[in-house]
Amino acid sequence: MINHVWGLFAHPGQAWRDISNERQTVSRLYLSHILLLAAIPPLSAYIGTTQLGWSIAGGDPVRLTQASALPLALLSYLTMLIGIAVMGRFIHWMARTYSASPSLGQCIVFAGYTATPLFIGGLAALYPHLWLGLLAGTAAVSYTAYLLYVGLPTFMGIPRDEGFLFSSSVLAAGLVVLVSIIAASVIIWSLGVGPVYTS
């Protein structure tokens, strides 16, 4: 796992070739990669929001209670695990349009490795500052998109021009999933599972 994570940042083209040749199972990917890396953003956010807090207009730090931050962190963790499976299913469904025939498991493996920069970028939540979050988030999303465009043609064994269109479709679907998660969060918060601030 560590070799692939490092490879996706150091030499992504070769890393994608190695990953596609391995033919990992979904269970092995989740156990060795996703369960661990997907815990980085919620754990970092839990620590950052309960211990350090954030300041609004230079005022006193605002923190969440541990009791309210824990269920929010667990929900975000589960959402990421489910999001990887949903994106893998979408990639599998779209593959038929681009004359590729990967298994559902291969598509979930691809989605999991593509999301690696998003997981690593979650470390920025340890220090919940608006500009740091924006910079880290922008860098993570940009590199994730880069991995998607570089890796999808290699992983699916399709020409680059088809890979560009396929990657663009996947990116659009990922944005829809992200907006859906944000909308669901607002609905859940309105039902009383929202953040509670320390006094």
C-alpha atoms as a PDB file:
ATOM      1  CA  MET A   1       0.000   0.000   0.000  1.00  0.00           C
ATOM      2  CA  ILE A   2       2.671   2.533   1.009  1.00  0.00           C
ATOM      3  CA  ASN A   3       4.529   1.895  -2.258  1.00  0.00           C
ATOM      4  CA  HIS A   4       1.431   2.748  -4.274  1.00  0.00           C
ATOM      5  CA  VAL A   5       0.655   5.847  -2.204  1.00  0.00           C
ATOM      6  CA  TRP A   6       4.203   7.108  -2.675  1.00  0.00           C
ATOM      7  CA  GLY A   7       4.158   6.113  -6.344  1.00  0.00           C
ATOM      8  CA  LEU A   8       0.948   8.029  -7.049  1.00  0.00           C
ATOM      9  CA  PHE A   9       2.739  11.196  -5.940  1.00  0.00           C
ATOM     10  CA  ALA A  10       6.269  10.481  -7.213  1.00  0.00           C
ATOM     11  CA  HIS A  11       5.597   8.758 -10.567  1.00  0.00           C
ATOM     12  CA  PRO A  12       1.838   8.373 -11.166  1.00  0.00           C
ATOM     13  CA  GLY A  13       2.074   6.835 -14.649  1.00  0.00           C
ATOM     14  CA  GLN A  14       4.184   3.920 -13.423  1.00  0.00           C
ATOM     15  CA  ALA A  15       2.117   3.584 -10.247  1.00  0.00           C
ATOM     16  CA  TRP A  16      -1.082   3.201 -12.277  1.00  0.00           C
ATOM     17  CA  ARG A  17       0.543   0.521 -14.427  1.00  0.00           C
ATOM     18  CA  ASP A  18       1.635  -1.360 -11.303  1.00  0.00           C
ATOM     19  CA  ILE A  19      -1.809  -1.048  -9.702  1.00  0.00           C
ATOM     20  CA  SER A  20      -3.603  -2.228 -12.856  1.00  0.00           C
ATOM     21  CA  ASN A  21      -1.301  -5.267 -13.100  1.00  0.00           C
ATOM     22  CA  GLU A  22      -1.971  -6.286  -9.491  1.00  0.00           C
ATOM     23  CA  ARG A  23      -5.700  -6.963  -9.828  1.00  0.00           C
ATOM     24  CA  GLN A  24      -6.476  -6.265  -6.181  1.00  0.00           C
ATOM     25  CA  THR A  25      -9.752  -7.351  -4.656  1.00  0.00           C
ATOM     26  CA  VAL A  26     -12.121  -4.779  -3.165  1.00  0.00           C
ATOM     27  CA  SER A  27     -11.866  -6.321   0.303  1.00  0.00           C
ATOM     28  CA  ARG A  28      -8.065  -6.191   0.215  1.00  0.00           C
ATOM     29  CA  LEU A  29      -8.137  -2.567  -0.994  1.00  0.00           C
ATOM     30  CA  TYR A  30     -10.495  -1.516   1.790  1.00  0.00           C
ATOM     31  CA  LEU A  31      -8.525  -3.386   4.439  1.00  0.00           C
ATOM     32  CA  SER A  32      -5.081  -2.235   3.320  1.00  0.00           C
ATOM     33  CA  HIS A  33      -5.733   1.229   1.919  1.00  0.00           C
ATOM     34  CA  ILE A  34      -9.135   2.880   2.217  1.00  0.00           C
ATOM     35  CA  LEU A  35     -10.047   2.079   5.839  1.00  0.00           C
ATOM     36  CA  LEU A  36      -6.762   3.583   7.000  1.00  0.00           C
ATOM     37  CA  LEU A  37      -6.442   6.591   4.690  1.00  0.00           C
ATOM     38  CA  ALA A  38     -10.133   7.550   4.850  1.00  0.00           C
ATOM     39  CA  ALA A  39      -9.742   7.919   8.622  1.00  0.00           C
ATOM     40  CA  ILE A  40      -7.248  10.793   8.196  1.00  0.00           C
ATOM     41  CA  PRO A  41      -9.725  13.629   7.413  1.00  0.00           C
ATOM     42  CA  PRO A  42     -12.340  12.849  10.102  1.00  0.00           C
ATOM     43  CA  LEU A  43      -9.713  12.112  12.758  1.00  0.00           C
ATOM     44  CA  SER A  44      -7.833  15.306  11.901  1.00  0.00           C
ATOM     45  CA  ALA A  45     -11.065  17.314  11.929  1.00  0.00           C
ATOM     46  CA  TYR A  46     -12.070  15.798  15.267  1.00  0.00           C
ATOM     47  CA  ILE A  47      -8.752  16.768  16.862  1.00  0.00           C
ATOM     48  CA  GLY A  48      -8.648  20.194  15.215  1.00  0.00           C
ATOM     49  CA  THR A  49     -12.204  21.214  16.074  1.00  0.00           C
ATOM     50  CA  THR A  50     -12.220  19.914  19.649  1.00  0.00           C
ATOM     51  CA  GLN A  51      -8.678  20.799  20.755  1.00  0.00           C
ATOM     52  CA  LEU A  52      -7.541  23.848  18.751  1.00  0.00           C
ATOM     53  CA  GLY A  53     -10.743  25.322  17.384  1.00  0.00           C
ATOM     54  CA  TRP A  54     -10.891  28.188  14.938  1.00  0.00           C
ATOM     55  CA  SER A  55     -11.079  31.933  15.353  1.00  0.00           C
ATOM     56  CA  ILE A  56     -13.632  34.178  13.677  1.00  0.00           C
ATOM     57  CA  ALA A  57     -12.350  37.711  12.998  1.00  0.00           C
ATOM     58  CA  GLY A  58      -9.541  37.298  15.535  1.00  0.00           C
ATOM     59  CA  GLY A  59     -11.878  36.521  18.438  1.00  0.00           C
ATOM     60  CA  ASP A  60     -11.686  33.728  20.986  1.00  0.00           C
ATOM     61  CA  PRO A  61     -11.283  30.243  19.522  1.00  0.00           C
ATOM     62  CA  VAL A  62     -14.495  28.370  18.769  1.00  0.00           C
ATOM     63  CA  ARG A  63     -14.446  24.639  19.511  1.00  0.00           C
ATOM     64  CA  LEU A  64     -16.857  21.737  19.234  1.00  0.00           C
ATOM     65  CA  THR A  65     -17.735  19.531  22.152  1.00  0.00           C
ATOM     66  CA  GLN A  66     -16.236  16.055  21.901  1.00  0.00           C
ATOM     67  CA  ALA A  67     -19.724  14.555  22.201  1.00  0.00           C
ATOM     68  CA  SER A  68     -20.943  16.379  19.087  1.00  0.00           C
ATOM     69  CA  ALA A  69     -17.701  16.097  17.087  1.00  0.00           C
ATOM     70  CA  LEU A  70     -17.464  12.304  17.439  1.00  0.00           C
ATOM     71  CA  PRO A  71     -20.704  11.379  15.620  1.00  0.00           C
ATOM     72  CA  LEU A  72     -19.940  13.964  12.922  1.00  0.00           C
ATOM     73  CA  ALA A  73     -16.482  12.438  12.421  1.00  0.00           C
ATOM     74  CA  LEU A  74     -17.932   8.911  12.253  1.00  0.00           C
ATOM     75  CA  LEU A  75     -20.599   9.993   9.764  1.00  0.00           C
ATOM     76  CA  SER A  76     -18.012  11.655   7.532  1.00  0.00           C
ATOM     77  CA  TYR A  77     -15.843   8.525   7.697  1.00  0.00           C
ATOM     78  CA  LEU A  78     -18.745   6.276   6.666  1.00  0.00           C
ATOM     79  CA  THR A  79     -19.687   8.742   3.930  1.00  0.00           C
ATOM     80  CA  MET A  80     -16.196   8.538   2.443  1.00  0.00           C
ATOM     81  CA  LEU A  81     -16.230   4.737   2.493  1.00  0.00           C
ATOM     82  CA  ILE A  82     -19.624   4.668   0.785  1.00  0.00           C
ATOM     83  CA  GLY A  83     -18.588   7.434  -1.644  1.00  0.00           C
ATOM     84  CA  ILE A  84     -15.690   5.332  -2.940  1.00  0.00           C
ATOM     85  CA  ALA A  85     -18.056   2.415  -3.621  1.00  0.00           C
ATOM     86  CA  VAL A  86     -20.585   4.722  -5.338  1.00  0.00           C
ATOM     87  CA  MET A  87     -17.910   6.250  -7.567  1.00  0.00           C
ATOM     88  CA  GLY A  88     -16.586   2.778  -8.397  1.00  0.00           C
ATOM     89  CA  ARG A  89     -20.073   1.670  -9.398  1.00  0.00           C
ATOM     90  CA  PHE A  90     -20.482   4.779 -11.581  1.00  0.00           C
ATOM     91  CA  ILE A  91     -17.124   4.145 -13.284  1.00  0.00           C
ATOM     92  CA  HIS A  92     -18.191   0.536 -13.922  1.00  0.00           C
ATOM     93  CA  TRP A  93     -21.475   1.699 -15.434  1.00  0.00           C
ATOM     94  CA  MET A  94     -19.774   4.324 -17.634  1.00  0.00           C
ATOM     95  CA  ALA A  95     -17.072   1.899 -18.829  1.00  0.00           C
ATOM     96  CA  ARG A  96     -19.515   0.254 -21.252  1.00  0.00           C
ATOM     97  CA  THR A  97     -19.766   3.531 -23.185  1.00  0.00           C
ATOM     98  CA  TYR A  98     -15.997   3.619 -23.704  1.00  0.00           C
ATOM     99  CA  SER A  99     -15.470   0.030 -24.866  1.00  0.00           C
ATOM    100  CA  ALA A 100     -13.792  -0.965 -21.621  1.00  0.00           C
ATOM    101  CA  SER A 101     -14.834  -4.038 -19.660  1.00  0.00           C
ATOM    102  CA  PRO A 102     -13.405  -3.801 -16.135  1.00  0.00           C
ATOM    103  CA  SER A 103     -15.016  -5.634 -13.263  1.00  0.00           C
ATOM    104  CA  LEU A 104     -16.877  -3.721 -10.576  1.00  0.00           C
ATOM    105  CA  GLY A 105     -14.057  -4.556  -8.184  1.00  0.00           C
ATOM    106  CA  GLN A 106     -11.447  -3.038 -10.482  1.00  0.00           C
ATOM    107  CA  CYS A 107     -13.505   0.149 -10.743  1.00  0.00           C
ATOM    108  CA  ILE A 108     -13.788   0.451  -6.963  1.00  0.00           C
ATOM    109  CA  VAL A 109     -10.030  -0.131  -6.662  1.00  0.00           C
ATOM    110  CA  PHE A 110      -9.451   2.664  -9.191  1.00  0.00           C
ATOM    111  CA  ALA A 111     -11.788   5.033  -7.316  1.00  0.00           C
ATOM    112  CA  GLY A 112     -10.060   4.246  -4.022  1.00  0.00           C
ATOM    113  CA  TYR A 113      -6.573   4.979  -5.291  1.00  0.00           C
ATOM    114  CA  THR A 114      -7.722   8.100  -7.139  1.00  0.00           C
ATOM    115  CA  ALA A 115      -9.092   9.527  -3.868  1.00  0.00           C
ATOM    116  CA  THR A 116      -5.714   9.178  -2.108  1.00  0.00           C
ATOM    117  CA  PRO A 117      -4.793  12.912  -2.347  1.00  0.00           C
ATOM    118  CA  LEU A 118      -8.158  13.843  -0.824  1.00  0.00           C
ATOM    119  CA  PHE A 119      -7.466  11.576   2.135  1.00  0.00           C
ATOM    120  CA  ILE A 120      -3.926  12.911   2.630  1.00  0.00           C
ATOM    121  CA  GLY A 121      -5.146  16.504   2.237  1.00  0.00           C
ATOM    122  CA  GLY A 122      -7.403  15.915   5.226  1.00  0.00           C
ATOM    123  CA  LEU A 123      -4.361  16.415   7.471  1.00  0.00           C
ATOM    124  CA  ALA A 124      -4.949  20.161   7.047  1.00  0.00           C
ATOM    125  CA  ALA A 125      -8.005  19.812   9.309  1.00  0.00           C
ATOM    126  CA  LEU A 126      -5.660  19.389  12.293  1.00  0.00           C
ATOM    127  CA  TYR A 127      -5.328  23.178  12.202  1.00  0.00           C
ATOM    128  CA  PRO A 128      -8.803  24.427  11.229  1.00  0.00           C
ATOM    129  CA  HIS A 129      -7.984  27.689   9.511  1.00  0.00           C
ATOM    130  CA  LEU A 130     -10.011  28.920   6.522  1.00  0.00           C
ATOM    131  CA  TRP A 131      -7.097  29.724   4.210  1.00  0.00           C
ATOM    132  CA  LEU A 132      -5.160  26.586   5.054  1.00  0.00           C
ATOM    133  CA  GLY A 133      -8.278  24.507   4.398  1.00  0.00           C
ATOM    134  CA  LEU A 134      -8.900  26.227   1.070  1.00  0.00           C
ATOM    135  CA  LEU A 135      -5.296  25.814  -0.080  1.00  0.00           C
ATOM    136  CA  ALA A 136      -5.049  22.169   1.000  1.00  0.00           C
ATOM    137  CA  GLY A 137      -8.488  21.367  -0.419  1.00  0.00           C
ATOM    138  CA  THR A 138      -7.716  23.002  -3.762  1.00  0.00           C
ATOM    139  CA  ALA A 139      -4.371  21.197  -4.017  1.00  0.00           C
ATOM    140  CA  ALA A 140      -5.949  17.829  -3.085  1.00  0.00           C
ATOM    141  CA  VAL A 141      -8.834  18.180  -5.562  1.00  0.00           C
ATOM    142  CA  SER A 142      -6.480  19.341  -8.325  1.00  0.00           C
ATOM    143  CA  TYR A 143      -4.103  16.418  -7.843  1.00  0.00           C
ATOM    144  CA  THR A 144      -7.012  13.987  -7.604  1.00  0.00           C
ATOM    145  CA  ALA A 145      -8.274  15.267 -10.963  1.00  0.00           C
ATOM    146  CA  TYR A 146      -4.746  14.892 -12.369  1.00  0.00           C
ATOM    147  CA  LEU A 147      -4.547  11.279 -11.152  1.00  0.00           C
ATOM    148  CA  LEU A 148      -7.937  10.622 -12.695  1.00  0.00           C
ATOM    149  CA  TYR A 149      -6.937  11.982 -16.111  1.00  0.00           C
ATOM    150  CA  VAL A 150      -3.536  10.254 -16.074  1.00  0.00           C
ATOM    151  CA  GLY A 151      -4.699   6.953 -14.614  1.00  0.00           C
ATOM    152  CA  LEU A 152      -8.025   6.162 -16.192  1.00  0.00           C
ATOM    153  CA  PRO A 153      -6.788   5.427 -19.751  1.00  0.00           C
ATOM    154  CA  THR A 154      -3.955   3.267 -18.360  1.00  0.00           C
ATOM    155  CA  PHE A 155      -6.123   1.454 -15.846  1.00  0.00           C
ATOM    156  CA  MET A 156      -9.007   0.831 -18.278  1.00  0.00           C
ATOM    157  CA  GLY A 157      -6.815   0.105 -21.302  1.00  0.00           C
ATOM    158  CA  ILE A 158      -8.527   2.672 -23.540  1.00  0.00           C
ATOM    159  CA  PRO A 159      -7.109   5.361 -25.871  1.00  0.00           C
ATOM    160  CA  ARG A 160      -6.164   8.738 -24.350  1.00  0.00           C
ATOM    161  CA  ASP A 161      -8.865  10.704 -26.202  1.00  0.00           C
ATOM    162  CA  GLU A 162     -11.570   8.369 -24.893  1.00  0.00           C
ATOM    163  CA  GLY A 163      -9.891   8.480 -21.485  1.00  0.00           C
ATOM    164  CA  PHE A 164     -10.193  12.266 -21.417  1.00  0.00           C
ATOM    165  CA  LEU A 165     -13.956  12.128 -22.049  1.00  0.00           C
ATOM    166  CA  PHE A 166     -14.388   9.256 -19.587  1.00  0.00           C
ATOM    167  CA  SER A 167     -12.381  11.112 -16.918  1.00  0.00           C
ATOM    168  CA  SER A 168     -14.428  14.270 -17.449  1.00  0.00           C
ATOM    169  CA  SER A 169     -17.630  12.277 -16.914  1.00  0.00           C
ATOM    170  CA  VAL A 170     -16.239  10.742 -13.732  1.00  0.00           C
ATOM    171  CA  LEU A 171     -15.133  14.161 -12.464  1.00  0.00           C
ATOM    172  CA  ALA A 172     -18.617  15.590 -13.085  1.00  0.00           C
ATOM    173  CA  ALA A 173     -20.191  12.644 -11.243  1.00  0.00           C
ATOM    174  CA  GLY A 174     -17.771  13.167  -8.345  1.00  0.00           C
ATOM    175  CA  LEU A 175     -18.879  16.795  -8.066  1.00  0.00           C
ATOM    176  CA  VAL A 176     -22.530  15.685  -8.022  1.00  0.00           C
ATOM    177  CA  VAL A 177     -21.739  13.209  -5.237  1.00  0.00           C
ATOM    178  CA  LEU A 178     -19.939  15.972  -3.295  1.00  0.00           C
ATOM    179  CA  VAL A 179     -22.884  18.378  -3.602  1.00  0.00           C
ATOM    180  CA  SER A 180     -25.241  15.566  -2.547  1.00  0.00           C
ATOM    181  CA  ILE A 181     -23.125  14.912   0.556  1.00  0.00           C
ATOM    182  CA  ILE A 182     -23.188  18.610   1.465  1.00  0.00           C
ATOM    183  CA  ALA A 183     -26.981  18.736   0.996  1.00  0.00           C
ATOM    184  CA  ALA A 184     -27.406  15.577   3.104  1.00  0.00           C
ATOM    185  CA  SER A 185     -25.221  17.135   5.834  1.00  0.00           C
ATOM    186  CA  VAL A 186     -27.469  20.195   5.993  1.00  0.00           C
ATOM    187  CA  ILE A 187     -30.546  17.973   6.270  1.00  0.00           C
ATOM    188  CA  ILE A 188     -28.956  15.834   9.006  1.00  0.00           C
ATOM    189  CA  TRP A 189     -27.897  18.945  10.943  1.00  0.00           C
ATOM    190  CA  SER A 190     -31.458  20.254  10.756  1.00  0.00           C
ATOM    191  CA  LEU A 191     -32.625  17.009  12.383  1.00  0.00           C
ATOM    192  CA  GLY A 192     -30.510  17.722  15.455  1.00  0.00           C
ATOM    193  CA  VAL A 193     -27.266  15.856  14.716  1.00  0.00           C
ATOM    194  CA  GLY A 194     -25.348  19.082  14.140  1.00  0.00           C
ATOM    195  CA  PRO A 195     -22.331  20.537  15.874  1.00  0.00           C
ATOM    196  CA  VAL A 196     -22.504  21.743  19.481  1.00  0.00           C
ATOM    197  CA  TYR A 197     -20.027  24.454  20.473  1.00  0.00           C
ATOM    198  CA  THR A 198     -18.209  24.703  23.787  1.00  0.00           C
ATOM    199  CA  SER A 199     -19.324  27.568  25.970  1.00  0.00           C
END
